[in-house]
Amino acid sequence: MRKPFITVRLTHGMLGALLVSTCACSGSYLQRRSPDAILVNFGVQNQAVLDIISGKAEPSALLPLQMPADMRIVEEQFEDVPRDMKCYTDSEGHLYDFAFGMNWKGVIDDE
């Protein structure tokens, strides 16, 4: 089953949202576009996603998995060993490990 994701592009000060249904492993749509943001969900209700992009609710969640640094890491990891991979680190130094999360105020401290 294909999971939906939303790409949001700011154009001339207007917020436009395009709902696209695609496979998470297929980046062909994103290769043809340059979205300002990509919002991916892990099976939440559509209304919750719409509340976030409309500004009605503040996003706040923790990752239910590790986000790998690259495809080589995915291929080298052991499938049955938890937390055994090098996780992606963004340009601001945030490590996308299990239970990492952010909201509008910054990184969520959930110790």
PDB file of N, CA and C in Angstrom:
ATOM      1  N   MET A   1       0.843  -1.186   0.000  1.00  0.00           N
ATOM      2  CA  MET A   1       0.000   0.000   0.000  1.00  0.00           C
ATOM      3  C   MET A   1       0.887   1.248   0.000  1.00  0.00           C
ATOM      4  N   ARG A   2       0.550   2.212  -0.811  1.00  0.00           N
ATOM      5  CA  ARG A   2       1.323   3.449  -0.890  1.00  0.00           C
ATOM      6  C   ARG A   2       0.911   4.390   0.233  1.00  0.00           C
ATOM      7  N   LYS A   3       1.902   4.977   0.889  1.00  0.00           N
ATOM      8  CA  LYS A   3       1.649   5.920   1.975  1.00  0.00           C
ATOM      9  C   LYS A   3       1.672   7.335   1.425  1.00  0.00           C
ATOM     10  N   PRO A   4       0.733   8.187   1.840  1.00  0.00           N
ATOM     11  CA  PRO A   4       0.734   9.561   1.345  1.00  0.00           C
ATOM     12  C   PRO A   4       1.761  10.416   2.075  1.00  0.00           C
ATOM     13  N   PHE A   5       2.259  11.404   1.387  1.00  0.00           N
ATOM     14  CA  PHE A   5       3.036  12.446   2.040  1.00  0.00           C
ATOM     15  C   PHE A   5       2.672  13.764   1.388  1.00  0.00           C
ATOM     16  N   ILE A   6       2.989  14.835   2.057  1.00  0.00           N
ATOM     17  CA  ILE A   6       2.598  16.156   1.589  1.00  0.00           C
ATOM     18  C   ILE A   6       3.843  16.963   1.308  1.00  0.00           C
ATOM     19  N   THR A   7       3.888  17.600   0.158  1.00  0.00           N
ATOM     20  CA  THR A   7       4.953  18.560  -0.095  1.00  0.00           C
ATOM     21  C   THR A   7       4.328  19.940  -0.023  1.00  0.00           C
ATOM     22  N   VAL A   8       4.985  20.845   0.635  1.00  0.00           N
ATOM     23  CA  VAL A   8       4.471  22.198   0.806  1.00  0.00           C
ATOM     24  C   VAL A   8       5.449  23.161   0.151  1.00  0.00           C
ATOM     25  N   ARG A   9       4.962  24.035  -0.716  1.00  0.00           N
ATOM     26  CA  ARG A   9       5.814  25.007  -1.395  1.00  0.00           C
ATOM     27  C   ARG A   9       5.273  26.409  -1.136  1.00  0.00           C
ATOM     28  N   LEU A  10       6.148  27.301  -0.721  1.00  0.00           N
ATOM     29  CA  LEU A  10       5.773  28.702  -0.549  1.00  0.00           C
ATOM     30  C   LEU A  10       6.007  29.420  -1.872  1.00  0.00           C
ATOM     31  N   THR A  11       4.953  29.994  -2.423  1.00  0.00           N
ATOM     32  CA  THR A  11       5.042  30.690  -3.703  1.00  0.00           C
ATOM     33  C   THR A  11       4.420  32.073  -3.569  1.00  0.00           C
ATOM     34  N   HIS A  12       5.185  33.103  -3.805  1.00  0.00           N
ATOM     35  CA  HIS A  12       4.697  34.485  -3.744  1.00  0.00           C
ATOM     36  C   HIS A  12       3.953  34.764  -2.434  1.00  0.00           C
ATOM     37  N   GLY A  13       4.469  34.219  -1.321  1.00  0.00           N
ATOM     38  CA  GLY A  13       3.863  34.471  -0.023  1.00  0.00           C
ATOM     39  C   GLY A  13       2.613  33.662   0.257  1.00  0.00           C
ATOM     40  N   MET A  14       2.201  32.833  -0.667  1.00  0.00           N
ATOM     41  CA  MET A  14       1.002  32.022  -0.469  1.00  0.00           C
ATOM     42  C   MET A  14       1.433  30.601  -0.110  1.00  0.00           C
ATOM     43  N   LEU A  15       0.661  29.948   0.736  1.00  0.00           N
ATOM     44  CA  LEU A  15       0.952  28.573   1.114  1.00  0.00           C
ATOM     45  C   LEU A  15       0.135  27.651   0.226  1.00  0.00           C
ATOM     46  N   GLY A  16       0.815  26.800  -0.524  1.00  0.00           N
ATOM     47  CA  GLY A  16       0.110  25.842  -1.371  1.00  0.00           C
ATOM     48  C   GLY A  16       0.527  24.447  -0.969  1.00  0.00           C
ATOM     49  N   ALA A  17      -0.411  23.557  -0.832  1.00  0.00           N
ATOM     50  CA  ALA A  17      -0.087  22.187  -0.441  1.00  0.00           C
ATOM     51  C   ALA A  17      -0.533  21.232  -1.530  1.00  0.00           C
ATOM     52  N   LEU A  18       0.289  20.279  -1.810  1.00  0.00           N
ATOM     53  CA  LEU A  18      -0.013  19.278  -2.811  1.00  0.00           C
ATOM     54  C   LEU A  18       0.062  17.918  -2.143  1.00  0.00           C
ATOM     55  N   LEU A  19      -1.025  17.176  -2.154  1.00  0.00           N
ATOM     56  CA  LEU A  19      -1.054  15.849  -1.549  1.00  0.00           C
ATOM     57  C   LEU A  19      -0.670  14.837  -2.616  1.00  0.00           C
ATOM     58  N   VAL A  20       0.360  14.076  -2.340  1.00  0.00           N
ATOM     59  CA  VAL A  20       0.882  13.121  -3.308  1.00  0.00           C
ATOM     60  C   VAL A  20       0.894  11.746  -2.664  1.00  0.00           C
ATOM     61  N   SER A  21       0.427  10.749  -3.379  1.00  0.00           N
ATOM     62  CA  SER A  21       0.509   9.378  -2.897  1.00  0.00           C
ATOM     63  C   SER A  21       1.640   8.700  -3.649  1.00  0.00           C
ATOM     64  N   THR A  22       2.635   8.270  -2.921  1.00  0.00           N
ATOM     65  CA  THR A  22       3.799   7.657  -3.565  1.00  0.00           C
ATOM     66  C   THR A  22       4.441   6.671  -2.615  1.00  0.00           C
ATOM     67  N   CYS A  23       5.315   5.882  -3.131  1.00  0.00           N
ATOM     68  CA  CYS A  23       6.087   4.950  -2.320  1.00  0.00           C
ATOM     69  C   CYS A  23       7.244   5.724  -1.696  1.00  0.00           C
ATOM     70  N   ALA A  24       7.500   5.493  -0.419  1.00  0.00           N
ATOM     71  CA  ALA A  24       8.574   6.210   0.266  1.00  0.00           C
ATOM     72  C   ALA A  24       9.938   5.937  -0.365  1.00  0.00           C
ATOM     73  N   CYS A  25      10.080   4.806  -1.046  1.00  0.00           N
ATOM     74  CA  CYS A  25      11.375   4.477  -1.641  1.00  0.00           C
ATOM     75  C   CYS A  25      11.543   5.088  -3.028  1.00  0.00           C
ATOM     76  N   SER A  26      10.517   5.731  -3.564  1.00  0.00           N
ATOM     77  CA  SER A  26      10.599   6.328  -4.891  1.00  0.00           C
ATOM     78  C   SER A  26      10.727   7.838  -4.774  1.00  0.00           C
ATOM     79  N   GLY A  27      11.888   8.359  -5.113  1.00  0.00           N
ATOM     80  CA  GLY A  27      12.105   9.797  -5.031  1.00  0.00           C
ATOM     81  C   GLY A  27      11.911  10.503  -6.353  1.00  0.00           C
ATOM     82  N   SER A  28      11.320   9.821  -7.344  1.00  0.00           N
ATOM     83  CA  SER A  28      11.219  10.415  -8.679  1.00  0.00           C
ATOM     84  C   SER A  28      10.408  11.706  -8.685  1.00  0.00           C
ATOM     85  N   TYR A  29       9.345  11.786  -7.895  1.00  0.00           N
ATOM     86  CA  TYR A  29       8.561  13.020  -7.849  1.00  0.00           C
ATOM     87  C   TYR A  29       9.406  14.157  -7.283  1.00  0.00           C
ATOM     88  N   LEU A  30      10.119  13.899  -6.194  1.00  0.00           N
ATOM     89  CA  LEU A  30      10.924  14.941  -5.556  1.00  0.00           C
ATOM     90  C   LEU A  30      12.125  15.335  -6.406  1.00  0.00           C
ATOM     91  N   GLN A  31      12.609  14.429  -7.239  1.00  0.00           N
ATOM     92  CA  GLN A  31      13.725  14.770  -8.119  1.00  0.00           C
ATOM     93  C   GLN A  31      13.303  15.777  -9.178  1.00  0.00           C
ATOM     94  N   ARG A  32      12.024  15.782  -9.543  1.00  0.00           N
ATOM     95  CA  ARG A  32      11.527  16.726 -10.549  1.00  0.00           C
ATOM     96  C   ARG A  32      11.100  18.049  -9.923  1.00  0.00           C
ATOM     97  N   ARG A  33      10.969  18.122  -8.620  1.00  0.00           N
ATOM     98  CA  ARG A  33      10.521  19.324  -7.919  1.00  0.00           C
ATOM     99  C   ARG A  33      11.595  19.755  -6.921  1.00  0.00           C
ATOM    100  N   SER A  34      11.424  20.953  -6.368  1.00  0.00           N
ATOM    101  CA  SER A  34      12.286  21.423  -5.289  1.00  0.00           C
ATOM    102  C   SER A  34      11.408  21.967  -4.177  1.00  0.00           C
ATOM    103  N   PRO A  35      10.804  21.093  -3.376  1.00  0.00           N
ATOM    104  CA  PRO A  35       9.915  21.579  -2.317  1.00  0.00           C
ATOM    105  C   PRO A  35      10.698  22.297  -1.224  1.00  0.00           C
ATOM    106  N   ASP A  36      10.065  23.281  -0.600  1.00  0.00           N
ATOM    107  CA  ASP A  36      10.673  23.979   0.530  1.00  0.00           C
ATOM    108  C   ASP A  36      10.636  23.116   1.786  1.00  0.00           C
ATOM    109  N   ALA A  37       9.698  22.197   1.830  1.00  0.00           N
ATOM    110  CA  ALA A  37       9.571  21.321   2.996  1.00  0.00           C
ATOM    111  C   ALA A  37       8.961  20.000   2.564  1.00  0.00           C
ATOM    112  N   ILE A  38       9.280  18.963   3.316  1.00  0.00           N
ATOM    113  CA  ILE A  38       8.671  17.652   3.107  1.00  0.00           C
ATOM    114  C   ILE A  38       8.142  17.196   4.457  1.00  0.00           C
ATOM    115  N   LEU A  39       6.897  16.823   4.494  1.00  0.00           N
ATOM    116  CA  LEU A  39       6.275  16.341   5.723  1.00  0.00           C
ATOM    117  C   LEU A  39       5.938  14.875   5.532  1.00  0.00           C
ATOM    118  N   VAL A  40       6.519  14.030   6.351  1.00  0.00           N
ATOM    119  CA  VAL A  40       6.279  12.595   6.277  1.00  0.00           C
ATOM    120  C   VAL A  40       5.644  12.172   7.585  1.00  0.00           C
ATOM    121  N   ASN A  41       4.627  11.306   7.497  1.00  0.00           N
ATOM    122  CA  ASN A  41       4.036  10.818   8.739  1.00  0.00           C
ATOM    123  C   ASN A  41       4.165   9.311   8.804  1.00  0.00           C
ATOM    124  N   PHE A  42       4.006   8.788   9.989  1.00  0.00           N
ATOM    125  CA  PHE A  42       4.111   7.354  10.220  1.00  0.00           C
ATOM    126  C   PHE A  42       2.742   6.776  10.551  1.00  0.00           C
ATOM    127  N   GLY A  43       1.761   7.050   9.691  1.00  0.00           N
ATOM    128  CA  GLY A  43       0.446   6.446   9.840  1.00  0.00           C
ATOM    129  C   GLY A  43      -0.514   7.188  10.749  1.00  0.00           C
ATOM    130  N   VAL A  44      -0.341   8.490  10.917  1.00  0.00           N
ATOM    131  CA  VAL A  44      -1.296   9.249  11.730  1.00  0.00           C
ATOM    132  C   VAL A  44      -2.520   9.595  10.889  1.00  0.00           C
ATOM    133  N   GLN A  45      -3.556  10.077  11.545  1.00  0.00           N
ATOM    134  CA  GLN A  45      -4.780  10.441  10.831  1.00  0.00           C
ATOM    135  C   GLN A  45      -4.538  11.654   9.936  1.00  0.00           C
ATOM    136  N   ASN A  46      -5.212  11.679   8.780  1.00  0.00           N
ATOM    137  CA  ASN A  46      -5.075  12.797   7.843  1.00  0.00           C
ATOM    138  C   ASN A  46      -5.426  14.126   8.496  1.00  0.00           C
ATOM    139  N   GLN A  47      -6.421  14.142   9.384  1.00  0.00           N
ATOM    140  CA  GLN A  47      -6.824  15.382  10.041  1.00  0.00           C
ATOM    141  C   GLN A  47      -5.687  15.942  10.888  1.00  0.00           C
ATOM    142  N   ALA A  48      -4.922  15.070  11.537  1.00  0.00           N
ATOM    143  CA  ALA A  48      -3.784  15.527  12.342  1.00  0.00           C
ATOM    144  C   ALA A  48      -2.739  16.208  11.462  1.00  0.00           C
ATOM    145  N   VAL A  49      -2.486  15.644  10.283  1.00  0.00           N
ATOM    146  CA  VAL A  49      -1.532  16.247   9.343  1.00  0.00           C
ATOM    147  C   VAL A  49      -2.048  17.600   8.872  1.00  0.00           C
ATOM    148  N   LEU A  50      -3.324  17.675   8.524  1.00  0.00           N
ATOM    149  CA  LEU A  50      -3.904  18.941   8.064  1.00  0.00           C
ATOM    150  C   LEU A  50      -3.887  19.997   9.164  1.00  0.00           C
ATOM    151  N   ASP A  51      -4.108  19.594  10.417  1.00  0.00           N
ATOM    152  CA  ASP A  51      -4.046  20.541  11.536  1.00  0.00           C
ATOM    153  C   ASP A  51      -2.647  21.133  11.675  1.00  0.00           C
ATOM    154  N   ILE A  52      -1.622  20.340  11.411  1.00  0.00           N
ATOM    155  CA  ILE A  52      -0.244  20.832  11.507  1.00  0.00           C
ATOM    156  C   ILE A  52       0.072  21.801  10.381  1.00  0.00           C
ATOM    157  N   ILE A  53      -0.239  21.434   9.132  1.00  0.00           N
ATOM    158  CA  ILE A  53       0.138  22.325   8.031  1.00  0.00           C
ATOM    159  C   ILE A  53      -0.724  23.573   7.964  1.00  0.00           C
ATOM    160  N   SER A  54      -1.906  23.548   8.597  1.00  0.00           N
ATOM    161  CA  SER A  54      -2.755  24.740   8.617  1.00  0.00           C
ATOM    162  C   SER A  54      -2.413  25.660   9.788  1.00  0.00           C
ATOM    163  N   GLY A  55      -1.569  25.183  10.719  1.00  0.00           N
ATOM    164  CA  GLY A  55      -1.195  25.992  11.872  1.00  0.00           C
ATOM    165  C   GLY A  55      -2.117  25.819  13.063  1.00  0.00           C
ATOM    166  N   LYS A  56      -3.101  24.953  12.955  1.00  0.00           N
ATOM    167  CA  LYS A  56      -4.050  24.726  14.054  1.00  0.00           C
ATOM    168  C   LYS A  56      -3.384  23.992  15.220  1.00  0.00           C
ATOM    169  N   ALA A  57      -2.398  23.153  14.920  1.00  0.00           N
ATOM    170  CA  ALA A  57      -1.706  22.382  15.954  1.00  0.00           C
ATOM    171  C   ALA A  57      -0.201  22.484  15.746  1.00  0.00           C
ATOM    172  N   GLU A  58       0.544  22.375  16.840  1.00  0.00           N
ATOM    173  CA  GLU A  58       2.003  22.390  16.769  1.00  0.00           C
ATOM    174  C   GLU A  58       2.512  20.956  16.631  1.00  0.00           C
ATOM    175  N   PRO A  59       3.407  20.703  15.678  1.00  0.00           N
ATOM    176  CA  PRO A  59       3.945  19.347  15.569  1.00  0.00           C
ATOM    177  C   PRO A  59       4.835  19.033  16.766  1.00  0.00           C
ATOM    178  N   SER A  60       4.697  17.850  17.283  1.00  0.00           N
ATOM    179  CA  SER A  60       5.504  17.434  18.416  1.00  0.00           C
ATOM    180  C   SER A  60       5.482  15.910  18.463  1.00  0.00           C
ATOM    181  N   ALA A  61       6.604  15.298  18.165  1.00  0.00           N
ATOM    182  CA  ALA A  61       6.655  13.839  18.161  1.00  0.00           C
ATOM    183  C   ALA A  61       8.095  13.373  18.267  1.00  0.00           C
ATOM    184  N   LEU A  62       8.243  12.109  18.580  1.00  0.00           N
ATOM    185  CA  LEU A  62       9.554  11.484  18.656  1.00  0.00           C
ATOM    186  C   LEU A  62       9.634  10.396  17.590  1.00  0.00           C
ATOM    187  N   LEU A  63      10.798  10.229  16.993  1.00  0.00           N
ATOM    188  CA  LEU A  63      10.970   9.214  15.955  1.00  0.00           C
ATOM    189  C   LEU A  63      10.770   7.811  16.524  1.00  0.00           C
ATOM    190  N   PRO A  64       9.975   6.979  15.842  1.00  0.00           N
ATOM    191  CA  PRO A  64       9.785   5.603  16.293  1.00  0.00           C
ATOM    192  C   PRO A  64      10.862   4.654  15.757  1.00  0.00           C
ATOM    193  N   LEU A  65      11.871   5.221  15.083  1.00  0.00           N
ATOM    194  CA  LEU A  65      12.929   4.419  14.480  1.00  0.00           C
ATOM    195  C   LEU A  65      14.155   5.285  14.268  1.00  0.00           C
ATOM    196  N   GLN A  66      15.239   4.653  13.827  1.00  0.00           N
ATOM    197  CA  GLN A  66      16.453   5.394  13.496  1.00  0.00           C
ATOM    198  C   GLN A  66      16.413   5.781  12.025  1.00  0.00           C
ATOM    199  N   MET A  67      16.863   6.993  11.696  1.00  0.00           N
ATOM    200  CA  MET A  67      16.963   7.438  10.304  1.00  0.00           C
ATOM    201  C   MET A  67      18.422   7.267   9.882  1.00  0.00           C
ATOM    202  N   PRO A  68      18.703   6.360   8.936  1.00  0.00           N
ATOM    203  CA  PRO A  68      20.090   6.078   8.562  1.00  0.00           C
ATOM    204  C   PRO A  68      20.776   7.246   7.869  1.00  0.00           C
ATOM    205  N   ALA A  69      22.089   7.307   8.032  1.00  0.00           N
ATOM    206  CA  ALA A  69      22.880   8.377   7.426  1.00  0.00           C
ATOM    207  C   ALA A  69      22.889   8.274   5.909  1.00  0.00           C
ATOM    208  N   ASP A  70      22.909   7.066   5.381  1.00  0.00           N
ATOM    209  CA  ASP A  70      22.896   6.865   3.929  1.00  0.00           C
ATOM    210  C   ASP A  70      22.522   5.417   3.621  1.00  0.00           C
ATOM    211  N   MET A  71      22.418   5.095   2.352  1.00  0.00           N
ATOM    212  CA  MET A  71      21.998   3.757   1.944  1.00  0.00           C
ATOM    213  C   MET A  71      23.036   2.700   2.295  1.00  0.00           C
ATOM    214  N   ARG A  72      24.299   3.059   2.284  1.00  0.00           N
ATOM    215  CA  ARG A  72      25.347   2.107   2.664  1.00  0.00           C
ATOM    216  C   ARG A  72      25.132   1.613   4.092  1.00  0.00           C
ATOM    217  N   ILE A  73      24.754   2.518   4.980  1.00  0.00           N
ATOM    218  CA  ILE A  73      24.484   2.162   6.377  1.00  0.00           C
ATOM    219  C   ILE A  73      23.331   1.166   6.454  1.00  0.00           C
ATOM    220  N   VAL A  74      22.292   1.389   5.665  1.00  0.00           N
ATOM    221  CA  VAL A  74      21.136   0.485   5.653  1.00  0.00           C
ATOM    222  C   VAL A  74      21.571  -0.913   5.221  1.00  0.00           C
ATOM    223  N   GLU A  75      22.370  -0.983   4.173  1.00  0.00           N
ATOM    224  CA  GLU A  75      22.808  -2.276   3.650  1.00  0.00           C
ATOM    225  C   GLU A  75      23.728  -3.011   4.619  1.00  0.00           C
ATOM    226  N   GLU A  76      24.493  -2.285   5.434  1.00  0.00           N
ATOM    227  CA  GLU A  76      25.445  -2.906   6.356  1.00  0.00           C
ATOM    228  C   GLU A  76      24.840  -3.277   7.703  1.00  0.00           C
ATOM    229  N   GLN A  77      23.713  -2.709   8.062  1.00  0.00           N
ATOM    230  CA  GLN A  77      23.152  -2.953   9.387  1.00  0.00           C
ATOM    231  C   GLN A  77      22.612  -4.379   9.515  1.00  0.00           C
ATOM    232  N   PHE A  78      22.599  -4.887  10.745  1.00  0.00           N
ATOM    233  CA  PHE A  78      21.997  -6.183  11.035  1.00  0.00           C
ATOM    234  C   PHE A  78      20.514  -5.960  11.298  1.00  0.00           C
ATOM    235  N   GLU A  79      19.663  -6.723  10.630  1.00  0.00           N
ATOM    236  CA  GLU A  79      18.223  -6.503  10.730  1.00  0.00           C
ATOM    237  C   GLU A  79      17.658  -6.806  12.111  1.00  0.00           C
ATOM    238  N   ASP A  80      18.304  -7.675  12.863  1.00  0.00           N
ATOM    239  CA  ASP A  80      17.757  -8.079  14.155  1.00  0.00           C
ATOM    240  C   ASP A  80      18.501  -7.481  15.348  1.00  0.00           C
ATOM    241  N   VAL A  81      19.325  -6.472  15.109  1.00  0.00           N
ATOM    242  CA  VAL A  81      20.069  -5.818  16.185  1.00  0.00           C
ATOM    243  C   VAL A  81      19.566  -4.383  16.317  1.00  0.00           C
ATOM    244  N   PRO A  82      18.951  -4.058  17.451  1.00  0.00           N
ATOM    245  CA  PRO A  82      18.416  -2.702  17.600  1.00  0.00           C
ATOM    246  C   PRO A  82      19.513  -1.656  17.766  1.00  0.00           C
ATOM    247  N   ARG A  83      19.248  -0.484  17.224  1.00  0.00           N
ATOM    248  CA  ARG A  83      20.092   0.702  17.383  1.00  0.00           C
ATOM    249  C   ARG A  83      21.554   0.454  17.014  1.00  0.00           C
ATOM    250  N   ASP A  84      21.763  -0.207  15.880  1.00  0.00           N
ATOM    251  CA  ASP A  84      23.122  -0.572  15.476  1.00  0.00           C
ATOM    252  C   ASP A  84      23.627   0.235  14.284  1.00  0.00           C
ATOM    253  N   MET A  85      22.949   1.315  13.932  1.00  0.00           N
ATOM    254  CA  MET A  85      23.365   2.042  12.733  1.00  0.00           C
ATOM    255  C   MET A  85      23.806   3.472  13.033  1.00  0.00           C
ATOM    256  N   LYS A  86      24.606   4.002  12.123  1.00  0.00           N
ATOM    257  CA  LYS A  86      24.986   5.414  12.186  1.00  0.00           C
ATOM    258  C   LYS A  86      23.802   6.212  11.652  1.00  0.00           C
ATOM    259  N   CYS A  87      23.294   7.123  12.464  1.00  0.00           N
ATOM    260  CA  CYS A  87      22.104   7.886  12.089  1.00  0.00           C
ATOM    261  C   CYS A  87      22.468   9.172  11.344  1.00  0.00           C
ATOM    262  N   TYR A  88      21.503   9.661  10.595  1.00  0.00           N
ATOM    263  CA  TYR A  88      21.652  10.905   9.845  1.00  0.00           C
ATOM    264  C   TYR A  88      21.842  12.073  10.810  1.00  0.00           C
ATOM    265  N   THR A  89      22.747  12.976  10.480  1.00  0.00           N
ATOM    266  CA  THR A  89      22.956  14.210  11.229  1.00  0.00           C
ATOM    267  C   THR A  89      22.753  15.368  10.267  1.00  0.00           C
ATOM    268  N   ASP A  90      21.875  16.314  10.622  1.00  0.00           N
ATOM    269  CA  ASP A  90      21.601  17.437   9.711  1.00  0.00           C
ATOM    270  C   ASP A  90      22.652  18.534   9.854  1.00  0.00           C
ATOM    271  N   SER A  91      22.500  19.601   9.081  1.00  0.00           N
ATOM    272  CA  SER A  91      23.492  20.678   9.051  1.00  0.00           C
ATOM    273  C   SER A  91      23.598  21.437  10.366  1.00  0.00           C
ATOM    274  N   GLU A  92      22.596  21.303  11.236  1.00  0.00           N
ATOM    275  CA  GLU A  92      22.639  21.967  12.542  1.00  0.00           C
ATOM    276  C   GLU A  92      23.116  21.032  13.648  1.00  0.00           C
ATOM    277  N   GLY A  93      23.515  19.814  13.278  1.00  0.00           N
ATOM    278  CA  GLY A  93      24.056  18.874  14.250  1.00  0.00           C
ATOM    279  C   GLY A  93      23.033  17.993  14.941  1.00  0.00           C
ATOM    280  N   HIS A  94      21.785  18.001  14.505  1.00  0.00           N
ATOM    281  CA  HIS A  94      20.765  17.146  15.112  1.00  0.00           C
ATOM    282  C   HIS A  94      20.933  15.715  14.620  1.00  0.00           C
ATOM    283  N   LEU A  95      21.017  14.770  15.545  1.00  0.00           N
ATOM    284  CA  LEU A  95      21.179  13.357  15.231  1.00  0.00           C
ATOM    285  C   LEU A  95      19.799  12.697  15.222  1.00  0.00           C
ATOM    286  N   TYR A  96      19.407  12.137  14.086  1.00  0.00           N
ATOM    287  CA  TYR A  96      18.071  11.566  13.913  1.00  0.00           C
ATOM    288  C   TYR A  96      18.039  10.111  14.379  1.00  0.00           C
ATOM    289  N   ASP A  97      18.253   9.932  15.670  1.00  0.00           N
ATOM    290  CA  ASP A  97      18.264   8.618  16.297  1.00  0.00           C
ATOM    291  C   ASP A  97      16.873   8.307  16.854  1.00  0.00           C
ATOM    292  N   PHE A  98      16.674   7.079  17.310  1.00  0.00           N
ATOM    293  CA  PHE A  98      15.412   6.682  17.923  1.00  0.00           C
ATOM    294  C   PHE A  98      15.035   7.675  19.025  1.00  0.00           C
ATOM    295  N   ALA A  99      13.798   8.106  19.048  1.00  0.00           N
ATOM    296  CA  ALA A  99      13.224   9.010  20.050  1.00  0.00           C
ATOM    297  C   ALA A  99      13.677  10.466  19.907  1.00  0.00           C
ATOM    298  N   PHE A 100      14.357  10.817  18.798  1.00  0.00           N
ATOM    299  CA  PHE A 100      14.670  12.225  18.550  1.00  0.00           C
ATOM    300  C   PHE A 100      13.391  12.913  18.101  1.00  0.00           C
ATOM    301  N   GLY A 101      13.188  14.146  18.536  1.00  0.00           N
ATOM    302  CA  GLY A 101      12.007  14.882  18.106  1.00  0.00           C
ATOM    303  C   GLY A 101      12.209  16.376  18.214  1.00  0.00           C
ATOM    304  N   MET A 102      11.390  17.112  17.454  1.00  0.00           N
ATOM    305  CA  MET A 102      11.442  18.568  17.462  1.00  0.00           C
ATOM    306  C   MET A 102      10.028  19.128  17.436  1.00  0.00           C
ATOM    307  N   ASN A 103       9.909  20.343  17.925  1.00  0.00           N
ATOM    308  CA  ASN A 103       8.680  21.118  17.762  1.00  0.00           C
ATOM    309  C   ASN A 103       9.108  22.533  17.381  1.00  0.00           C
ATOM    310  N   TRP A 104       8.180  23.490  17.394  1.00  0.00           N
ATOM    311  CA  TRP A 104       8.528  24.856  16.984  1.00  0.00           C
ATOM    312  C   TRP A 104       9.594  25.477  17.880  1.00  0.00           C
ATOM    313  N   LYS A 105       9.702  25.044  19.126  1.00  0.00           N
ATOM    314  CA  LYS A 105      10.671  25.623  20.058  1.00  0.00           C
ATOM    315  C   LYS A 105      12.062  25.005  19.914  1.00  0.00           C
ATOM    316  N   GLY A 106      12.162  23.890  19.210  1.00  0.00           N
ATOM    317  CA  GLY A 106      13.454  23.232  19.027  1.00  0.00           C
ATOM    318  C   GLY A 106      13.380  21.756  19.350  1.00  0.00           C
ATOM    319  N   VAL A 107      14.497  21.221  19.811  1.00  0.00           N
ATOM    320  CA  VAL A 107      14.592  19.795  20.110  1.00  0.00           C
ATOM    321  C   VAL A 107      13.796  19.482  21.372  1.00  0.00           C
ATOM    322  N   ILE A 108      13.039  18.387  21.326  1.00  0.00           N
ATOM    323  CA  ILE A 108      12.258  17.941  22.482  1.00  0.00           C
ATOM    324  C   ILE A 108      13.191  17.197  23.425  1.00  0.00           C
ATOM    325  N   ASP A 109      13.244  17.613  24.687  1.00  0.00           N
ATOM    326  CA  ASP A 109      14.061  16.957  25.698  1.00  0.00           C
ATOM    327  C   ASP A 109      13.173  15.954  26.422  1.00  0.00           C
ATOM    328  N   ASP A 110      13.292  14.689  26.067  1.00  0.00           N
ATOM    329  CA  ASP A 110      12.437  13.644  26.633  1.00  0.00           C
ATOM    330  C   ASP A 110      13.295  12.586  27.308  1.00  0.00           C
ATOM    331  N   GLU A 111      13.837  12.927  28.450  1.00  0.00           N
ATOM    332  CA  GLU A 111      14.727  11.995  29.152  1.00  0.00           C
ATOM    333  C   GLU A 111      13.974  11.130  30.104  1.00  0.00           C
TER     334      GLU A 111
END
